[in-house]
N, C-alpha and C. Protein backbone atom coordinates (compact mmCIF):
# COMPACT_ATOMS: atom_id res chain seq x y z
N MET A 1 6.18 -33.34 -22.74
CA MET A 1 7.73 -33.98 -22.94
C MET A 1 6.59 -35.01 -23.87
N ARG A 2 5.57 -34.55 -23.52
CA ARG A 2 5.23 -35.88 -23.93
C ARG A 2 4.97 -36.27 -25.81
N GLU A 3 4.73 -34.03 -26.07
CA GLU A 3 4.32 -33.85 -27.04
C GLU A 3 5.63 -33.98 -28.00
N ASN A 4 6.79 -33.96 -27.97
CA ASN A 4 7.82 -34.38 -28.24
C ASN A 4 8.41 -35.90 -28.20
N ASN A 5 7.11 -36.77 -27.52
CA ASN A 5 7.83 -37.95 -27.61
C ASN A 5 8.77 -38.54 -27.12
N LEU A 6 8.85 -37.42 -25.53
CA LEU A 6 9.85 -38.11 -24.97
C LEU A 6 9.08 -38.39 -23.36
N HIS A 7 9.25 -39.40 -22.68
CA HIS A 7 8.26 -40.55 -21.83
C HIS A 7 9.83 -40.90 -20.63
N PRO A 8 9.88 -39.81 -19.99
CA PRO A 8 10.59 -40.22 -18.51
C PRO A 8 10.09 -40.77 -18.09
N THR A 9 10.44 -41.60 -17.02
CA THR A 9 10.10 -42.43 -16.07
C THR A 9 10.09 -41.42 -14.48
N ILE A 10 11.57 -41.01 -15.25
CA ILE A 10 12.03 -40.15 -13.51
C ILE A 10 13.12 -39.34 -14.22
N ILE A 11 12.63 -38.42 -12.78
CA ILE A 11 13.23 -36.50 -13.77
C ILE A 11 14.19 -36.48 -12.19
N ARG A 12 15.50 -36.42 -12.54
CA ARG A 12 16.04 -36.01 -11.49
C ARG A 12 17.11 -34.38 -10.92
N ILE A 13 16.59 -33.79 -10.52
CA ILE A 13 17.43 -32.23 -10.59
C ILE A 13 17.82 -31.73 -9.10
N GLU A 14 18.57 -30.75 -9.09
CA GLU A 14 19.12 -30.25 -7.81
C GLU A 14 17.89 -29.76 -7.20
N LYS A 15 18.28 -29.68 -5.49
CA LYS A 15 17.70 -29.04 -5.15
C LYS A 15 18.03 -27.82 -4.83
N ALA A 16 17.30 -26.57 -5.84
CA ALA A 16 18.01 -25.46 -6.32
C ALA A 16 16.45 -24.87 -6.27
N ASN A 17 17.03 -23.11 -6.23
CA ASN A 17 15.40 -22.12 -7.15
C ASN A 17 14.09 -22.68 -6.58
N LEU A 18 13.17 -23.52 -7.77
CA LEU A 18 12.38 -23.48 -7.12
C LEU A 18 11.78 -24.99 -6.77
N PHE A 19 12.70 -25.10 -7.07
CA PHE A 19 13.18 -27.58 -6.25
C PHE A 19 13.05 -27.08 -4.66
N PHE A 20 12.81 -25.72 -3.96
CA PHE A 20 13.45 -25.56 -2.46
C PHE A 20 12.16 -25.63 -2.20
N GLU A 21 11.18 -25.70 -2.65
CA GLU A 21 10.07 -25.57 -2.20
C GLU A 21 8.88 -26.81 -2.46
N HIS A 22 8.88 -28.20 -1.48
CA HIS A 22 7.88 -28.76 -1.34
C HIS A 22 6.77 -29.12 -2.36
N VAL A 23 5.76 -28.07 -2.38
CA VAL A 23 5.08 -27.65 -3.03
C VAL A 23 5.19 -27.85 -4.48
N PHE A 24 5.55 -27.01 -4.90
CA PHE A 24 6.40 -26.94 -6.50
C PHE A 24 6.67 -28.22 -6.34
N ILE A 25 7.97 -28.98 -5.76
CA ILE A 25 8.01 -30.29 -6.12
C ILE A 25 6.97 -31.49 -6.50
N LYS A 26 6.01 -31.36 -5.72
CA LYS A 26 5.00 -31.94 -5.85
C LYS A 26 4.04 -31.40 -6.71
N SER A 27 3.93 -30.36 -7.30
CA SER A 27 2.75 -30.09 -8.32
C SER A 27 4.05 -30.01 -9.68
N PHE A 28 4.64 -30.44 -9.37
CA PHE A 28 5.73 -30.73 -11.46
C PHE A 28 5.58 -32.01 -10.92
N ALA A 29 5.85 -32.95 -9.63
CA ALA A 29 5.91 -34.42 -10.38
C ALA A 29 3.79 -34.74 -10.56
N ASN A 30 3.61 -34.22 -9.85
CA ASN A 30 1.63 -34.64 -10.24
C ASN A 30 1.28 -34.14 -12.04
N GLU A 31 1.77 -33.02 -12.77
CA GLU A 31 1.11 -32.31 -13.64
C GLU A 31 2.57 -32.67 -14.58
N THR A 32 3.46 -33.52 -14.38
CA THR A 32 4.18 -34.11 -15.13
C THR A 32 3.86 -35.74 -15.33
N GLY A 33 3.01 -36.68 -14.10
CA GLY A 33 3.63 -37.92 -14.13
C GLY A 33 4.34 -38.57 -14.44
N VAL A 34 5.86 -38.48 -13.24
CA VAL A 34 6.84 -38.21 -13.37
C VAL A 34 7.70 -38.85 -12.39
N ALA A 35 8.39 -39.20 -11.24
CA ALA A 35 8.63 -39.70 -10.10
C ALA A 35 10.04 -38.78 -10.19
N VAL A 36 10.15 -37.32 -9.36
CA VAL A 36 11.29 -36.77 -8.83
C VAL A 36 12.77 -37.07 -8.36
N GLU A 37 13.66 -37.00 -8.56
CA GLU A 37 14.52 -37.42 -7.34
C GLU A 37 14.83 -36.22 -6.84
N LEU A 38 15.23 -35.78 -6.36
CA LEU A 38 15.90 -34.56 -6.01
C LEU A 38 17.80 -35.10 -5.23
N TYR A 39 19.00 -34.28 -5.84
CA TYR A 39 20.32 -34.24 -5.05
C TYR A 39 20.18 -33.26 -4.80
N GLU A 40 21.60 -33.22 -3.91
CA GLU A 40 22.37 -32.01 -3.02
C GLU A 40 22.90 -31.31 -3.71
N ASN A 41 22.98 -30.52 -4.16
CA ASN A 41 24.25 -29.67 -5.53
C ASN A 41 23.65 -28.24 -5.27
N ASP A 42 24.20 -27.62 -6.35
CA ASP A 42 23.79 -26.50 -6.35
C ASP A 42 23.20 -26.06 -8.02
N GLY A 43 23.08 -24.87 -8.66
CA GLY A 43 22.71 -25.11 -10.55
C GLY A 43 23.75 -25.20 -11.17
N SER A 44 25.02 -24.72 -11.34
CA SER A 44 25.87 -24.48 -11.78
C SER A 44 25.85 -25.52 -11.66
N LEU A 45 26.30 -26.74 -11.07
CA LEU A 45 26.92 -28.54 -11.26
C LEU A 45 25.89 -29.15 -12.53
N GLY A 46 24.43 -28.93 -12.10
CA GLY A 46 23.64 -28.57 -13.06
C GLY A 46 23.55 -28.47 -14.62
N ALA A 47 24.26 -27.54 -14.36
CA ALA A 47 23.98 -26.19 -16.15
C ALA A 47 26.01 -27.61 -16.31
N ALA A 48 27.20 -27.65 -15.86
CA ALA A 48 27.91 -28.16 -16.07
C ALA A 48 27.56 -29.19 -16.34
N LEU A 49 26.63 -30.54 -15.46
CA LEU A 49 26.38 -31.59 -16.47
C LEU A 49 25.61 -31.53 -17.36
N GLY A 50 24.99 -30.93 -17.95
CA GLY A 50 24.51 -30.29 -18.92
C GLY A 50 25.29 -30.96 -20.42
N ALA A 51 26.17 -29.51 -19.92
CA ALA A 51 27.30 -29.32 -20.76
C ALA A 51 27.78 -30.22 -21.08
N GLY A 52 28.36 -31.01 -20.54
CA GLY A 52 29.23 -32.58 -20.73
C GLY A 52 27.83 -33.42 -21.87
N VAL A 53 26.47 -33.77 -21.01
CA VAL A 53 25.79 -34.56 -22.46
C VAL A 53 25.96 -33.84 -23.58
N GLY A 54 25.86 -32.96 -23.70
CA GLY A 54 25.57 -32.45 -24.88
C GLY A 54 26.37 -32.12 -25.39
N ALA A 55 28.56 -32.44 -25.10
CA ALA A 55 29.75 -32.62 -25.64
C ALA A 55 30.16 -33.36 -26.18
N GLY A 56 29.09 -34.60 -25.43
CA GLY A 56 29.31 -36.18 -25.24
C GLY A 56 30.01 -36.71 -24.86
N PHE A 57 30.37 -35.92 -22.89
CA PHE A 57 30.81 -37.06 -22.22
C PHE A 57 29.43 -37.26 -21.19
N SER A 58 28.58 -37.58 -20.67
CA SER A 58 27.62 -38.42 -20.48
C SER A 58 28.71 -39.51 -19.92
N ASN A 59 29.23 -40.97 -20.60
CA ASN A 59 29.78 -41.40 -20.30
C ASN A 59 30.74 -41.59 -19.06
N HIS A 60 31.18 -40.21 -18.86
CA HIS A 60 31.71 -39.69 -17.92
C HIS A 60 30.94 -39.17 -16.58
N ILE A 61 29.33 -38.77 -15.95
CA ILE A 61 28.86 -38.58 -14.90
C ILE A 61 28.80 -39.26 -14.42
N VAL A 62 28.77 -39.71 -12.71
CA VAL A 62 28.69 -40.42 -11.89
C VAL A 62 27.71 -39.41 -11.16
N LYS A 63 26.47 -40.62 -10.85
CA LYS A 63 25.56 -40.36 -10.04
C LYS A 63 25.52 -39.80 -8.57
N HIS A 64 24.66 -38.57 -8.07
CA HIS A 64 25.03 -37.96 -6.67
C HIS A 64 24.49 -38.90 -5.76
N THR A 65 23.81 -38.89 -4.38
CA THR A 65 23.94 -38.81 -3.79
C THR A 65 22.16 -38.04 -3.34
N LEU A 66 21.46 -38.94 -3.73
CA LEU A 66 19.96 -38.64 -3.50
C LEU A 66 19.04 -38.13 -2.46
N ILE A 67 18.75 -37.16 -2.40
CA ILE A 67 17.86 -36.84 -1.48
C ILE A 67 16.39 -37.12 -0.94
N LEU A 68 16.95 -38.21 0.81
CA LEU A 68 15.52 -38.98 0.64
C LEU A 68 14.23 -37.23 0.93
N ASP A 69 13.27 -37.84 0.89
CA ASP A 69 12.00 -37.09 1.30
C ASP A 69 11.52 -37.12 2.42
N GLN A 70 11.22 -36.49 4.02
CA GLN A 70 11.05 -37.18 4.80
C GLN A 70 10.21 -36.61 4.87
């Protein structure tokens, strides 16, 4: 990310696929050096949101409930 001049402070992801695994989430956060927020959704919603952002509809996207780390 930093090689592409991206400097996020937080990465918001859905709890799906590899992100079901707590070990992967912690490894991902440690490697990127960026905090991770997990949301209770499936991958299809993330794909739809990404398509909406790409099409310029990002002002219509709302925040979903955060899953707290237990």
